[in-house]
Amino acid sequence: MDIKKLLTGLEAYDPARLEKTEADNAARGRRARGESAEGARGDKVNFSDDARLRTEAYSAAMSAPEVRKDKVEAIKAQIAAGEYKIDTQKIAAKVVQDDLDFFGL
């Protein structure tokens, strides 16, 4: 028995045909999106003022320190001096107010 040619998985595809298929698929995708081959280079993205504001707020929040050291030091000093008091009524009122705000009541 004589085996003249052994094909591997990649040799079965003609590279020129594969490139043509990829180019055709790309052109079909541009047409579906209403673009021309030249127009793809001139695409523009516009963000709304709301999106810009959200981005600025996110950036500010991410750049802020996680721990407010001044608050921590003040509370530590109050605890050490025996002056730190927990106002449970104030905490409960804030929890209730947060729930009312959350549900829009």
C-alpha atoms as a PDB file:
ATOM      1  CA  MET A   1       0.000   0.000   0.000  1.00  0.00           C
ATOM      2  CA  ASP A   2       1.332   3.390  -1.023  1.00  0.00           C
ATOM      3  CA  ILE A   3       0.254   6.577   0.800  1.00  0.00           C
ATOM      4  CA  LYS A   4       1.082   9.558  -1.364  1.00  0.00           C
ATOM      5  CA  LYS A   5      -0.095  12.397   0.871  1.00  0.00           C
ATOM      6  CA  LEU A   6      -1.061  12.591   4.513  1.00  0.00           C
ATOM      7  CA  LEU A   7      -3.327  15.496   5.410  1.00  0.00           C
ATOM      8  CA  THR A   8      -3.315  17.060   8.853  1.00  0.00           C
ATOM      9  CA  GLY A   9      -6.211  19.112  10.169  1.00  0.00           C
ATOM     10  CA  LEU A  10      -4.846  22.445   8.876  1.00  0.00           C
ATOM     11  CA  GLU A  11      -3.581  21.307   5.469  1.00  0.00           C
ATOM     12  CA  ALA A  12      -7.109  20.474   4.339  1.00  0.00           C
ATOM     13  CA  TYR A  13      -7.930  24.201   4.042  1.00  0.00           C
ATOM     14  CA  ASP A  14      -6.733  26.358   1.183  1.00  0.00           C
ATOM     15  CA  PRO A  15      -5.193  29.514   2.761  1.00  0.00           C
ATOM     16  CA  ALA A  16      -6.311  31.755  -0.116  1.00  0.00           C
ATOM     17  CA  ARG A  17      -9.887  30.499   0.210  1.00  0.00           C
ATOM     18  CA  LEU A  18      -9.774  30.988   3.990  1.00  0.00           C
ATOM     19  CA  GLU A  19      -8.589  34.620   3.623  1.00  0.00           C
ATOM     20  CA  LYS A  20     -11.335  35.321   1.065  1.00  0.00           C
ATOM     21  CA  THR A  21     -13.960  33.877   3.418  1.00  0.00           C
ATOM     22  CA  GLU A  22     -12.715  36.023   6.316  1.00  0.00           C
ATOM     23  CA  ALA A  23     -12.772  39.153   4.128  1.00  0.00           C
ATOM     24  CA  ASP A  24     -16.284  38.317   2.924  1.00  0.00           C
ATOM     25  CA  ASN A  25     -17.478  37.814   6.502  1.00  0.00           C
ATOM     26  CA  ALA A  26     -15.982  41.160   7.576  1.00  0.00           C
ATOM     27  CA  ALA A  27     -17.627  42.962   4.640  1.00  0.00           C
ATOM     28  CA  ARG A  28     -20.964  41.282   5.400  1.00  0.00           C
ATOM     29  CA  GLY A  29     -20.712  42.449   9.024  1.00  0.00           C
ATOM     30  CA  ARG A  30     -19.995  46.041   7.958  1.00  0.00           C
ATOM     31  CA  ARG A  31     -22.972  46.000   5.593  1.00  0.00           C
ATOM     32  CA  ALA A  32     -25.225  44.667   8.368  1.00  0.00           C
ATOM     33  CA  ARG A  33     -24.159  47.564  10.582  1.00  0.00           C
ATOM     34  CA  GLY A  34     -24.673  50.045   7.727  1.00  0.00           C
ATOM     35  CA  GLU A  35     -20.968  50.854   7.358  1.00  0.00           C
ATOM     36  CA  SER A  36     -18.817  51.125   4.290  1.00  0.00           C
ATOM     37  CA  ALA A  37     -15.222  49.919   4.141  1.00  0.00           C
ATOM     38  CA  GLU A  38     -14.004  53.549   4.309  1.00  0.00           C
ATOM     39  CA  GLY A  39     -16.561  54.616   6.935  1.00  0.00           C
ATOM     40  CA  ALA A  40     -15.275  52.174   9.522  1.00  0.00           C
ATOM     41  CA  ARG A  41     -12.250  54.405  10.121  1.00  0.00           C
ATOM     42  CA  GLY A  42     -14.355  57.476  10.878  1.00  0.00           C
ATOM     43  CA  ASP A  43     -16.588  56.054  13.605  1.00  0.00           C
ATOM     44  CA  LYS A  44     -17.320  58.341  16.514  1.00  0.00           C
ATOM     45  CA  VAL A  45     -18.677  57.742  19.976  1.00  0.00           C
ATOM     46  CA  ASN A  46     -20.609  60.377  21.892  1.00  0.00           C
ATOM     47  CA  PHE A  47     -21.319  60.120  25.592  1.00  0.00           C
ATOM     48  CA  SER A  48     -24.261  61.800  27.274  1.00  0.00           C
ATOM     49  CA  ASP A  49     -23.739  64.311  30.069  1.00  0.00           C
ATOM     50  CA  ASP A  50     -25.163  61.730  32.474  1.00  0.00           C
ATOM     51  CA  ALA A  51     -22.574  59.162  31.377  1.00  0.00           C
ATOM     52  CA  ARG A  52     -19.768  61.696  31.783  1.00  0.00           C
ATOM     53  CA  LEU A  53     -21.007  62.583  35.274  1.00  0.00           C
ATOM     54  CA  ARG A  54     -21.116  58.911  36.260  1.00  0.00           C
ATOM     55  CA  THR A  55     -17.591  58.410  34.975  1.00  0.00           C
ATOM     56  CA  GLU A  56     -16.326  61.407  36.944  1.00  0.00           C
ATOM     57  CA  ALA A  57     -18.104  60.208  40.102  1.00  0.00           C
ATOM     58  CA  TYR A  58     -16.672  56.704  39.694  1.00  0.00           C
ATOM     59  CA  SER A  59     -13.163  58.089  39.192  1.00  0.00           C
ATOM     60  CA  ALA A  60     -13.491  60.291  42.270  1.00  0.00           C
ATOM     61  CA  ALA A  61     -14.758  57.396  44.380  1.00  0.00           C
ATOM     62  CA  MET A  62     -11.962  55.116  43.222  1.00  0.00           C
ATOM     63  CA  SER A  63      -9.270  57.717  43.973  1.00  0.00           C
ATOM     64  CA  ALA A  64     -10.598  58.469  47.480  1.00  0.00           C
ATOM     65  CA  PRO A  65      -8.884  56.681  50.357  1.00  0.00           C
ATOM     66  CA  GLU A  66     -10.796  53.695  51.740  1.00  0.00           C
ATOM     67  CA  VAL A  67     -10.224  54.670  55.371  1.00  0.00           C
ATOM     68  CA  ARG A  68     -10.825  58.157  56.698  1.00  0.00           C
ATOM     69  CA  LYS A  69      -7.868  58.292  59.056  1.00  0.00           C
ATOM     70  CA  ASP A  70      -8.973  61.554  60.666  1.00  0.00           C
ATOM     71  CA  LYS A  71     -12.311  59.993  61.729  1.00  0.00           C
ATOM     72  CA  VAL A  72     -10.620  56.825  62.990  1.00  0.00           C
ATOM     73  CA  GLU A  73      -8.136  58.806  65.080  1.00  0.00           C
ATOM     74  CA  ALA A  74     -10.894  61.006  66.543  1.00  0.00           C
ATOM     75  CA  ILE A  75     -12.973  57.971  67.570  1.00  0.00           C
ATOM     76  CA  LYS A  76      -9.904  56.223  69.028  1.00  0.00           C
ATOM     77  CA  ALA A  77      -9.182  59.304  71.129  1.00  0.00           C
ATOM     78  CA  GLN A  78     -12.796  59.443  72.361  1.00  0.00           C
ATOM     79  CA  ILE A  79     -12.721  55.730  73.280  1.00  0.00           C
ATOM     80  CA  ALA A  80      -9.394  56.132  75.125  1.00  0.00           C
ATOM     81  CA  ALA A  81     -10.798  59.084  77.075  1.00  0.00           C
ATOM     82  CA  GLY A  82     -14.017  57.195  77.868  1.00  0.00           C
ATOM     83  CA  GLU A  83     -16.082  59.836  76.060  1.00  0.00           C
ATOM     84  CA  TYR A  84     -17.347  57.786  73.113  1.00  0.00           C
ATOM     85  CA  LYS A  85     -21.075  57.206  73.380  1.00  0.00           C
ATOM     86  CA  ILE A  86     -23.209  55.225  70.940  1.00  0.00           C
ATOM     87  CA  ASP A  87     -26.536  56.914  70.227  1.00  0.00           C
ATOM     88  CA  THR A  88     -28.784  53.949  69.400  1.00  0.00           C
ATOM     89  CA  GLN A  89     -31.797  56.169  68.703  1.00  0.00           C
ATOM     90  CA  LYS A  90     -29.827  58.120  66.114  1.00  0.00           C
ATOM     91  CA  ILE A  91     -28.683  54.863  64.470  1.00  0.00           C
ATOM     92  CA  ALA A  92     -32.242  53.493  64.378  1.00  0.00           C
ATOM     93  CA  ALA A  93     -33.595  56.734  62.921  1.00  0.00           C
ATOM     94  CA  LYS A  94     -30.955  56.671  60.198  1.00  0.00           C
ATOM     95  CA  VAL A  95     -31.755  53.033  59.313  1.00  0.00           C
ATOM     96  CA  VAL A  96     -35.461  53.841  59.038  1.00  0.00           C
ATOM     97  CA  GLN A  97     -34.755  56.961  56.962  1.00  0.00           C
ATOM     98  CA  ASP A  98     -32.499  54.974  54.604  1.00  0.00           C
ATOM     99  CA  ASP A  99     -35.274  52.399  54.101  1.00  0.00           C
ATOM    100  CA  LEU A 100     -37.844  55.132  53.415  1.00  0.00           C
ATOM    101  CA  ASP A 101     -35.511  56.774  50.903  1.00  0.00           C
ATOM    102  CA  PHE A 102     -34.784  53.428  49.250  1.00  0.00           C
ATOM    103  CA  PHE A 103     -38.459  52.650  48.750  1.00  0.00           C
ATOM    104  CA  GLY A 104     -39.263  56.245  47.762  1.00  0.00           C
ATOM    105  CA  LEU A 105     -41.635  56.885  50.641  1.00  0.00           C
END
